[in-house]
Amino acid sequence: GDTIFVHLLTEDGHYVADCDGDSLGGMLPLSAWPPSITVQEEREFQLAGLPAGQYMVTVGIYNRESGARYRALQPNGAPIYNDEFIIQRITLSTPAA
């Protein structure tokens, strides 16, 4: 029941869009990942109507049934805010059409 969330947030952390789900278009759930595997994939956000500005792309894991997120920790063991890793910051220079 665990899956990956990928969120787009405003610079001040407000949710804008998501593309949650299992890896490889739903074909590879987390339960099927062998130990030490690296999975690379691309996900697309629907950006139409978003104003120009700074945004953050974040990722994490949650349980579909409960909605609970798994804890995200820094390498030193300190918790990460809202249990989501910021993986990229992007700039929209013009409103998305």
PDB file of N, CA and C in Angstrom:
ATOM      1  N   GLY A   1       0.790  -1.216   0.000  1.00  0.00           N
ATOM      2  CA  GLY A   1       0.000   0.000   0.000  1.00  0.00           C
ATOM      3  C   GLY A   1       0.826   1.271   0.000  1.00  0.00           C
ATOM      4  N   ASP A   2       2.152   1.153  -0.003  1.00  0.00           N
ATOM      5  CA  ASP A   2       2.994   2.351   0.011  1.00  0.00           C
ATOM      6  C   ASP A   2       3.262   2.825  -1.408  1.00  0.00           C
ATOM      7  N   THR A   3       3.349   4.134  -1.562  1.00  0.00           N
ATOM      8  CA  THR A   3       3.618   4.704  -2.872  1.00  0.00           C
ATOM      9  C   THR A   3       4.417   5.989  -2.728  1.00  0.00           C
ATOM     10  N   ILE A   4       4.801   6.559  -3.850  1.00  0.00           N
ATOM     11  CA  ILE A   4       5.646   7.745  -3.893  1.00  0.00           C
ATOM     12  C   ILE A   4       4.790   8.975  -4.194  1.00  0.00           C
ATOM     13  N   PHE A   5       5.078  10.067  -3.489  1.00  0.00           N
ATOM     14  CA  PHE A   5       4.455  11.329  -3.880  1.00  0.00           C
ATOM     15  C   PHE A   5       5.519  12.248  -4.439  1.00  0.00           C
ATOM     16  N   VAL A   6       5.136  12.990  -5.458  1.00  0.00           N
ATOM     17  CA  VAL A   6       5.972  14.028  -6.045  1.00  0.00           C
ATOM     18  C   VAL A   6       5.085  15.270  -6.100  1.00  0.00           C
ATOM     19  N   HIS A   7       5.473  16.296  -5.346  1.00  0.00           N
ATOM     20  CA  HIS A   7       4.644  17.504  -5.243  1.00  0.00           C
ATOM     21  C   HIS A   7       5.369  18.726  -5.788  1.00  0.00           C
ATOM     22  N   LEU A   8       4.589  19.638  -6.284  1.00  0.00           N
ATOM     23  CA  LEU A   8       5.076  20.952  -6.677  1.00  0.00           C
ATOM     24  C   LEU A   8       4.510  21.934  -5.660  1.00  0.00           C
ATOM     25  N   LEU A   9       5.413  22.685  -5.018  1.00  0.00           N
ATOM     26  CA  LEU A   9       5.025  23.638  -3.991  1.00  0.00           C
ATOM     27  C   LEU A   9       5.481  25.028  -4.382  1.00  0.00           C
ATOM     28  N   THR A  10       4.762  26.028  -3.894  1.00  0.00           N
ATOM     29  CA  THR A  10       5.219  27.405  -4.072  1.00  0.00           C
ATOM     30  C   THR A  10       6.464  27.611  -3.233  1.00  0.00           C
ATOM     31  N   GLU A  11       7.130  28.724  -3.439  1.00  0.00           N
ATOM     32  CA  GLU A  11       8.358  29.025  -2.708  1.00  0.00           C
ATOM     33  C   GLU A  11       8.135  29.025  -1.194  1.00  0.00           C
ATOM     34  N   ASP A  12       6.915  29.399  -0.763  1.00  0.00           N
ATOM     35  CA  ASP A  12       6.626  29.407   0.679  1.00  0.00           C
ATOM     36  C   ASP A  12       5.951  28.125   1.157  1.00  0.00           C
ATOM     37  N   GLY A  13       5.976  27.065   0.329  1.00  0.00           N
ATOM     38  CA  GLY A  13       5.555  25.740   0.769  1.00  0.00           C
ATOM     39  C   GLY A  13       4.106  25.361   0.560  1.00  0.00           C
ATOM     40  N   HIS A  14       3.348  26.138  -0.182  1.00  0.00           N
ATOM     41  CA  HIS A  14       1.951  25.788  -0.443  1.00  0.00           C
ATOM     42  C   HIS A  14       1.850  24.808  -1.622  1.00  0.00           C
ATOM     43  N   TYR A  15       1.017  23.791  -1.445  1.00  0.00           N
ATOM     44  CA  TYR A  15       0.800  22.766  -2.465  1.00  0.00           C
ATOM     45  C   TYR A  15       0.193  23.379  -3.730  1.00  0.00           C
ATOM     46  N   VAL A  16       0.723  22.968  -4.897  1.00  0.00           N
ATOM     47  CA  VAL A  16       0.222  23.453  -6.179  1.00  0.00           C
ATOM     48  C   VAL A  16      -0.255  22.297  -7.058  1.00  0.00           C
ATOM     49  N   ALA A  17       0.546  21.234  -7.150  1.00  0.00           N
ATOM     50  CA  ALA A  17       0.227  20.109  -8.034  1.00  0.00           C
ATOM     51  C   ALA A  17       0.961  18.864  -7.558  1.00  0.00           C
ATOM     52  N   ASP A  18       0.530  17.712  -8.059  1.00  0.00           N
ATOM     53  CA  ASP A  18       1.223  16.472  -7.727  1.00  0.00           C
ATOM     54  C   ASP A  18       1.193  15.513  -8.901  1.00  0.00           C
ATOM     55  N   CYS A  19       2.033  14.521  -8.815  1.00  0.00           N
ATOM     56  CA  CYS A  19       2.011  13.376  -9.731  1.00  0.00           C
ATOM     57  C   CYS A  19       2.435  12.153  -8.911  1.00  0.00           C
ATOM     58  N   ASP A  20       1.542  11.767  -7.998  1.00  0.00           N
ATOM     59  CA  ASP A  20       1.782  10.648  -7.095  1.00  0.00           C
ATOM     60  C   ASP A  20       1.584   9.325  -7.812  1.00  0.00           C
ATOM     61  N   GLY A  21       2.161   8.265  -7.265  1.00  0.00           N
ATOM     62  CA  GLY A  21       1.921   6.924  -7.775  1.00  0.00           C
ATOM     63  C   GLY A  21       3.174   6.075  -7.795  1.00  0.00           C
ATOM     64  N   ASP A  22       2.983   4.832  -8.197  1.00  0.00           N
ATOM     65  CA  ASP A  22       4.090   3.881  -8.266  1.00  0.00           C
ATOM     66  C   ASP A  22       5.030   4.224  -9.411  1.00  0.00           C
ATOM     67  N   SER A  23       6.223   3.700  -9.325  1.00  0.00           N
ATOM     68  CA  SER A  23       7.265   3.958 -10.321  1.00  0.00           C
ATOM     69  C   SER A  23       6.913   3.364 -11.675  1.00  0.00           C
ATOM     70  N   LEU A  24       7.549   3.921 -12.683  1.00  0.00           N
ATOM     71  CA  LEU A  24       7.430   3.442 -14.068  1.00  0.00           C
ATOM     72  C   LEU A  24       5.980   3.345 -14.514  1.00  0.00           C
ATOM     73  N   GLY A  25       5.256   4.435 -14.288  1.00  0.00           N
ATOM     74  CA  GLY A  25       3.868   4.505 -14.730  1.00  0.00           C
ATOM     75  C   GLY A  25       2.949   3.531 -14.030  1.00  0.00           C
ATOM     76  N   GLY A  26       3.255   3.175 -12.788  1.00  0.00           N
ATOM     77  CA  GLY A  26       2.420   2.266 -12.019  1.00  0.00           C
ATOM     78  C   GLY A  26       2.810   0.805 -12.141  1.00  0.00           C
ATOM     79  N   MET A  27       3.838   0.522 -12.934  1.00  0.00           N
ATOM     80  CA  MET A  27       4.219  -0.877 -13.165  1.00  0.00           C
ATOM     81  C   MET A  27       5.173  -1.418 -12.104  1.00  0.00           C
ATOM     82  N   LEU A  28       5.775  -0.550 -11.276  1.00  0.00           N
ATOM     83  CA  LEU A  28       6.754  -1.011 -10.305  1.00  0.00           C
ATOM     84  C   LEU A  28       6.426  -0.430  -8.923  1.00  0.00           C
ATOM     85  N   PRO A  29       5.566  -1.115  -8.159  1.00  0.00           N
ATOM     86  CA  PRO A  29       5.268  -0.626  -6.808  1.00  0.00           C
ATOM     87  C   PRO A  29       6.491  -0.760  -5.905  1.00  0.00           C
ATOM     88  N   LEU A  30       6.519   0.026  -4.851  1.00  0.00           N
ATOM     89  CA  LEU A  30       7.653  -0.013  -3.927  1.00  0.00           C
ATOM     90  C   LEU A  30       7.892  -1.413  -3.372  1.00  0.00           C
ATOM     91  N   SER A  31       6.838  -2.181  -3.151  1.00  0.00           N
ATOM     92  CA  SER A  31       6.979  -3.529  -2.600  1.00  0.00           C
ATOM     93  C   SER A  31       7.746  -4.461  -3.531  1.00  0.00           C
ATOM     94  N   ALA A  32       7.864  -4.109  -4.810  1.00  0.00           N
ATOM     95  CA  ALA A  32       8.567  -4.949  -5.787  1.00  0.00           C
ATOM     96  C   ALA A  32      10.005  -4.498  -6.019  1.00  0.00           C
ATOM     97  N   TRP A  33      10.436  -3.395  -5.387  1.00  0.00           N
ATOM     98  CA  TRP A  33      11.807  -2.924  -5.569  1.00  0.00           C
ATOM     99  C   TRP A  33      12.777  -3.879  -4.872  1.00  0.00           C
ATOM    100  N   PRO A  34      13.725  -4.443  -5.602  1.00  0.00           N
ATOM    101  CA  PRO A  34      14.758  -5.246  -4.938  1.00  0.00           C
ATOM    102  C   PRO A  34      15.662  -4.333  -4.101  1.00  0.00           C
ATOM    103  N   PRO A  35      16.320  -4.895  -3.073  1.00  0.00           N
ATOM    104  CA  PRO A  35      17.244  -4.070  -2.273  1.00  0.00           C
ATOM    105  C   PRO A  35      18.320  -3.435  -3.148  1.00  0.00           C
ATOM    106  N   SER A  36      18.682  -2.220  -2.821  1.00  0.00           N
ATOM    107  CA  SER A  36      19.766  -1.475  -3.481  1.00  0.00           C
ATOM    108  C   SER A  36      19.488  -1.124  -4.938  1.00  0.00           C
ATOM    109  N   ILE A  37      18.251  -1.167  -5.376  1.00  0.00           N
ATOM    110  CA  ILE A  37      17.930  -0.816  -6.763  1.00  0.00           C
ATOM    111  C   ILE A  37      17.875   0.706  -6.903  1.00  0.00           C
ATOM    112  N   THR A  38      18.252   1.194  -8.071  1.00  0.00           N
ATOM    113  CA  THR A  38      18.097   2.594  -8.419  1.00  0.00           C
ATOM    114  C   THR A  38      17.066   2.678  -9.533  1.00  0.00           C
ATOM    115  N   VAL A  39      16.035   3.477  -9.319  1.00  0.00           N
ATOM    116  CA  VAL A  39      14.990   3.666 -10.322  1.00  0.00           C
ATOM    117  C   VAL A  39      15.034   5.122 -10.759  1.00  0.00           C
ATOM    118  N   GLN A  40      15.150   5.332 -12.057  1.00  0.00           N
ATOM    119  CA  GLN A  40      15.114   6.686 -12.605  1.00  0.00           C
ATOM    120  C   GLN A  40      13.872   6.819 -13.464  1.00  0.00           C
ATOM    121  N   GLU A  41      13.162   7.900 -13.271  1.00  0.00           N
ATOM    122  CA  GLU A  41      11.969   8.135 -14.070  1.00  0.00           C
ATOM    123  C   GLU A  41      11.680   9.618 -14.127  1.00  0.00           C
ATOM    124  N   GLU A  42      10.824   9.974 -15.039  1.00  0.00           N
ATOM    125  CA  GLU A  42      10.384  11.358 -15.172  1.00  0.00           C
ATOM    126  C   GLU A  42       8.890  11.412 -14.912  1.00  0.00           C
ATOM    127  N   ARG A  43       8.471  12.465 -14.266  1.00  0.00           N
ATOM    128  CA  ARG A  43       7.042  12.711 -14.039  1.00  0.00           C
ATOM    129  C   ARG A  43       6.745  14.132 -14.486  1.00  0.00           C
ATOM    130  N   GLU A  44       5.539  14.326 -14.972  1.00  0.00           N
ATOM    131  CA  GLU A  44       5.162  15.644 -15.495  1.00  0.00           C
ATOM    132  C   GLU A  44       4.045  16.244 -14.667  1.00  0.00           C
ATOM    133  N   PHE A  45       4.195  17.509 -14.347  1.00  0.00           N
ATOM    134  CA  PHE A  45       3.164  18.274 -13.664  1.00  0.00           C
ATOM    135  C   PHE A  45       2.311  19.000 -14.685  1.00  0.00           C
ATOM    136  N   GLN A  46       1.057  19.202 -14.354  1.00  0.00           N
ATOM    137  CA  GLN A  46       0.183  20.069 -15.140  1.00  0.00           C
ATOM    138  C   GLN A  46       0.394  21.491 -14.624  1.00  0.00           C
ATOM    139  N   LEU A  47       1.000  22.346 -15.442  1.00  0.00           N
ATOM    140  CA  LEU A  47       1.385  23.685 -15.003  1.00  0.00           C
ATOM    141  C   LEU A  47       0.455  24.787 -15.494  1.00  0.00           C
ATOM    142  N   ALA A  48      -0.532  24.438 -16.302  1.00  0.00           N
ATOM    143  CA  ALA A  48      -1.424  25.457 -16.878  1.00  0.00           C
ATOM    144  C   ALA A  48      -2.046  26.320 -15.779  1.00  0.00           C
ATOM    145  N   GLY A  49      -1.952  27.621 -15.982  1.00  0.00           N
ATOM    146  CA  GLY A  49      -2.554  28.572 -15.064  1.00  0.00           C
ATOM    147  C   GLY A  49      -1.675  28.985 -13.892  1.00  0.00           C
ATOM    148  N   LEU A  50      -0.489  28.399 -13.757  1.00  0.00           N
ATOM    149  CA  LEU A  50       0.380  28.794 -12.653  1.00  0.00           C
ATOM    150  C   LEU A  50       1.047  30.132 -12.948  1.00  0.00           C
ATOM    151  N   PRO A  51       1.122  31.002 -11.959  1.00  0.00           N
ATOM    152  CA  PRO A  51       1.801  32.280 -12.177  1.00  0.00           C
ATOM    153  C   PRO A  51       3.308  32.099 -12.219  1.00  0.00           C
ATOM    154  N   ALA A  52       3.987  33.064 -12.818  1.00  0.00           N
ATOM    155  CA  ALA A  52       5.444  33.064 -12.807  1.00  0.00           C
ATOM    156  C   ALA A  52       5.922  33.100 -11.365  1.00  0.00           C
ATOM    157  N   GLY A  53       7.072  32.488 -11.117  1.00  0.00           N
ATOM    158  CA  GLY A  53       7.615  32.509  -9.760  1.00  0.00           C
ATOM    159  C   GLY A  53       8.500  31.317  -9.484  1.00  0.00           C
ATOM    160  N   GLN A  54       8.904  31.216  -8.228  1.00  0.00           N
ATOM    161  CA  GLN A  54       9.769  30.140  -7.765  1.00  0.00           C
ATOM    162  C   GLN A  54       8.913  28.997  -7.213  1.00  0.00           C
ATOM    163  N   TYR A  55       9.327  27.758  -7.514  1.00  0.00           N
ATOM    164  CA  TYR A  55       8.615  26.574  -7.051  1.00  0.00           C
ATOM    165  C   TYR A  55       9.621  25.527  -6.586  1.00  0.00           C
ATOM    166  N   MET A  56       9.144  24.580  -5.768  1.00  0.00           N
ATOM    167  CA  MET A  56       9.966  23.476  -5.288  1.00  0.00           C
ATOM    168  C   MET A  56       9.318  22.154  -5.699  1.00  0.00           C
ATOM    169  N   VAL A  57      10.140  21.206  -6.126  1.00  0.00           N
ATOM    170  CA  VAL A  57       9.694  19.846  -6.385  1.00  0.00           C
ATOM    171  C   VAL A  57      10.128  19.008  -5.197  1.00  0.00           C
ATOM    172  N   THR A  58       9.159  18.324  -4.556  1.00  0.00           N
ATOM    173  CA  THR A  58       9.459  17.519  -3.376  1.00  0.00           C
ATOM    174  C   THR A  58       9.004  16.077  -3.590  1.00  0.00           C
ATOM    175  N   VAL A  59       9.637  15.149  -2.871  1.00  0.00           N
ATOM    176  CA  VAL A  59       9.269  13.735  -2.950  1.00  0.00           C
ATOM    177  C   VAL A  59       9.231  13.126  -1.554  1.00  0.00           C
ATOM    178  N   GLY A  60       8.481  12.044  -1.447  1.00  0.00           N
ATOM    179  CA  GLY A  60       8.402  11.285  -0.211  1.00  0.00           C
ATOM    180  C   GLY A  60       7.599  10.016  -0.451  1.00  0.00           C
ATOM    181  N   ILE A  61       7.360   9.288   0.610  1.00  0.00           N
ATOM    182  CA  ILE A  61       6.620   8.025   0.524  1.00  0.00           C
ATOM    183  C   ILE A  61       5.493   8.068   1.549  1.00  0.00           C
ATOM    184  N   TYR A  62       4.321   7.538   1.154  1.00  0.00           N
ATOM    185  CA  TYR A  62       3.195   7.462   2.081  1.00  0.00           C
ATOM    186  C   TYR A  62       2.427   6.170   1.859  1.00  0.00           C
ATOM    187  N   ASN A  63       1.596   5.842   2.830  1.00  0.00           N
ATOM    188  CA  ASN A  63       0.745   4.666   2.748  1.00  0.00           C
ATOM    189  C   ASN A  63      -0.611   5.076   2.207  1.00  0.00           C
ATOM    190  N   ARG A  64      -1.040   4.432   1.128  1.00  0.00           N
ATOM    191  CA  ARG A  64      -2.309   4.802   0.485  1.00  0.00           C
ATOM    192  C   ARG A  64      -3.512   4.647   1.416  1.00  0.00           C
ATOM    193  N   GLU A  65      -3.540   3.563   2.199  1.00  0.00           N
ATOM    194  CA  GLU A  65      -4.710   3.298   3.039  1.00  0.00           C
ATOM    195  C   GLU A  65      -4.855   4.313   4.173  1.00  0.00           C
ATOM    196  N   SER A  66      -3.756   4.598   4.857  1.00  0.00           N
ATOM    197  CA  SER A  66      -3.825   5.491   6.019  1.00  0.00           C
ATOM    198  C   SER A  66      -3.568   6.951   5.652  1.00  0.00           C
ATOM    199  N   GLY A  67      -2.867   7.177   4.531  1.00  0.00           N
ATOM    200  CA  GLY A  67      -2.470   8.528   4.165  1.00  0.00           C
ATOM    201  C   GLY A  67      -1.247   9.016   4.921  1.00  0.00           C
ATOM    202  N   ALA A  68      -0.724   8.188   5.827  1.00  0.00           N
ATOM    203  CA  ALA A  68       0.422   8.594   6.648  1.00  0.00           C
ATOM    204  C   ALA A  68       1.715   8.564   5.843  1.00  0.00           C
ATOM    205  N   ARG A  69       2.503   9.605   6.022  1.00  0.00           N
ATOM    206  CA  ARG A  69       3.820   9.679   5.379  1.00  0.00           C
ATOM    207  C   ARG A  69       4.850   8.965   6.233  1.00  0.00           C
ATOM    208  N   TYR A  70       5.849   8.402   5.565  1.00  0.00           N
ATOM    209  CA  TYR A  70       6.993   7.848   6.270  1.00  0.00           C
ATOM    210  C   TYR A  70       7.930   8.984   6.653  1.00  0.00           C
ATOM    211  N   ARG A  71       8.607   8.822   7.760  1.00  0.00           N
ATOM    212  CA  ARG A  71       9.531   9.858   8.225  1.00  0.00           C
ATOM    213  C   ARG A  71      10.675  10.026   7.251  1.00  0.00           C
ATOM    214  N   ALA A  72      11.019  11.262   6.986  1.00  0.00           N
ATOM    215  CA  ALA A  72      12.175  11.596   6.153  1.00  0.00           C
ATOM    216  C   ALA A  72      13.221  12.210   7.069  1.00  0.00           C
ATOM    217  N   LEU A  73      14.438  11.679   6.983  1.00  0.00           N
ATOM    218  CA  LEU A  73      15.508  12.131   7.863  1.00  0.00           C
ATOM    219  C   LEU A  73      16.724  12.585   7.074  1.00  0.00           C
ATOM    220  N   GLN A  74      17.439  13.556   7.611  1.00  0.00           N
ATOM    221  CA  GLN A  74      18.710  13.989   7.052  1.00  0.00           C
ATOM    222  C   GLN A  74      19.770  12.935   7.382  1.00  0.00           C
ATOM    223  N   PRO A  75      20.905  12.956   6.675  1.00  0.00           N
ATOM    224  CA  PRO A  75      21.961  11.973   6.966  1.00  0.00           C
ATOM    225  C   PRO A  75      22.386  11.944   8.442  1.00  0.00           C
ATOM    226  N   ASN A  76      22.272  13.071   9.143  1.00  0.00           N
ATOM    227  CA  ASN A  76      22.657  13.115  10.560  1.00  0.00           C
ATOM    228  C   ASN A  76      21.528  12.658  11.487  1.00  0.00           C
ATOM    229  N   GLY A  77      20.398  12.222  10.904  1.00  0.00           N
ATOM    230  CA  GLY A  77      19.279  11.729  11.698  1.00  0.00           C
ATOM    231  C   GLY A  77      18.246  12.771  12.055  1.00  0.00           C
ATOM    232  N   ALA A  78      18.502  14.030  11.739  1.00  0.00           N
ATOM    233  CA  ALA A  78      17.542  15.098  12.031  1.00  0.00           C
ATOM    234  C   ALA A  78      16.338  14.976  11.099  1.00  0.00           C
ATOM    235  N   PRO A  79      15.135  15.243  11.614  1.00  0.00           N
ATOM    236  CA  PRO A  79      13.948  15.136  10.764  1.00  0.00           C
ATOM    237  C   PRO A  79      13.913  16.207   9.680  1.00  0.00           C
ATOM    238  N   ILE A  80      13.283  15.875   8.580  1.00  0.00           N
ATOM    239  CA  ILE A  80      13.084  16.809   7.475  1.00  0.00           C
ATOM    240  C   ILE A  80      11.650  17.316   7.549  1.00  0.00           C
ATOM    241  N   TYR A  81      11.490  18.617   7.429  1.00  0.00           N
ATOM    242  CA  TYR A  81      10.176  19.254   7.540  1.00  0.00           C
ATOM    243  C   TYR A  81       9.150  18.589   6.625  1.00  0.00           C
ATOM    244  N   ASN A  82       8.018  18.249   7.186  1.00  0.00           N
ATOM    245  CA  ASN A  82       6.866  17.699   6.470  1.00  0.00           C
ATOM    246  C   ASN A  82       7.178  16.358   5.796  1.00  0.00           C
ATOM    247  N   ASP A  83       8.293  15.741   6.152  1.00  0.00           N
ATOM    248  CA  ASP A  83       8.677  14.420   5.629  1.00  0.00           C
ATOM    249  C   ASP A  83       8.718  14.369   4.106  1.00  0.00           C
ATOM    250  N   GLU A  84       9.220  15.451   3.503  1.00  0.00           N
ATOM    251  CA  GLU A  84       9.380  15.477   2.050  1.00  0.00           C
ATOM    252  C   GLU A  84      10.703  16.141   1.692  1.00  0.00           C
ATOM    253  N   PHE A  85      11.433  15.482   0.812  1.00  0.00           N
ATOM    254  CA  PHE A  85      12.734  15.981   0.356  1.00  0.00           C
ATOM    255  C   PHE A  85      12.532  16.986  -0.773  1.00  0.00           C
ATOM    256  N   ILE A  86      13.198  18.111  -0.707  1.00  0.00           N
ATOM    257  CA  ILE A  86      13.212  19.051  -1.823  1.00  0.00           C
ATOM    258  C   ILE A  86      14.274  18.539  -2.792  1.00  0.00           C
ATOM    259  N   ILE A  87      13.853  18.155  -3.996  1.00  0.00           N
ATOM    260  CA  ILE A  87      14.821  17.612  -4.953  1.00  0.00           C
ATOM    261  C   ILE A  87      15.204  18.616  -6.030  1.00  0.00           C
ATOM    262  N   GLN A  88      14.399  19.655  -6.205  1.00  0.00           N
ATOM    263  CA  GLN A  88      14.740  20.657  -7.212  1.00  0.00           C
ATOM    264  C   GLN A  88      13.941  21.928  -6.948  1.00  0.00           C
ATOM    265  N   ARG A  89      14.555  23.042  -7.282  1.00  0.00           N
ATOM    266  CA  ARG A  89      13.866  24.345  -7.278  1.00  0.00           C
ATOM    267  C   ARG A  89      13.799  24.795  -8.724  1.00  0.00           C
ATOM    268  N   ILE A  90      12.632  25.268  -9.128  1.00  0.00           N
ATOM    269  CA  ILE A  90      12.453  25.700 -10.513  1.00  0.00           C
ATOM    270  C   ILE A  90      11.880  27.104 -10.541  1.00  0.00           C
ATOM    271  N   THR A  91      12.085  27.774 -11.681  1.00  0.00           N
ATOM    272  CA  THR A  91      11.546  29.111 -11.885  1.00  0.00           C
ATOM    273  C   THR A  91      10.687  29.100 -13.131  1.00  0.00           C
ATOM    274  N   LEU A  92       9.444  29.533 -12.992  1.00  0.00           N
ATOM    275  CA  LEU A  92       8.589  29.781 -14.153  1.00  0.00           C
ATOM    276  C   LEU A  92       8.714  31.264 -14.454  1.00  0.00           C
ATOM    277  N   SER A  93       9.273  31.596 -15.613  1.00  0.00           N
ATOM    278  CA  SER A  93       9.514  33.000 -15.917  1.00  0.00           C
ATOM    279  C   SER A  93       8.290  33.708 -16.502  1.00  0.00           C
ATOM    280  N   THR A  94       7.346  32.936 -17.026  1.00  0.00           N
ATOM    281  CA  THR A  94       6.087  33.496 -17.524  1.00  0.00           C
ATOM    282  C   THR A  94       4.959  32.594 -17.042  1.00  0.00           C
ATOM    283  N   PRO A  95       3.758  33.119 -16.916  1.00  0.00           N
ATOM    284  CA  PRO A  95       2.650  32.245 -16.498  1.00  0.00           C
ATOM    285  C   PRO A  95       2.524  31.047 -17.430  1.00  0.00           C
ATOM    286  N   ALA A  96       2.266  29.880 -16.851  1.00  0.00           N
ATOM    287  CA  ALA A  96       2.105  28.667 -17.653  1.00  0.00           C
ATOM    288  C   ALA A  96       0.796  28.723 -18.421  1.00  0.00           C
ATOM    289  N   ALA A  97       0.881  28.401 -19.705  1.00  0.00           N
ATOM    290  CA  ALA A  97      -0.325  28.453 -20.551  1.00  0.00           C
ATOM    291  C   ALA A  97      -1.077  27.140 -20.512  1.00  0.00           C
TER     292      ALA A  97
END
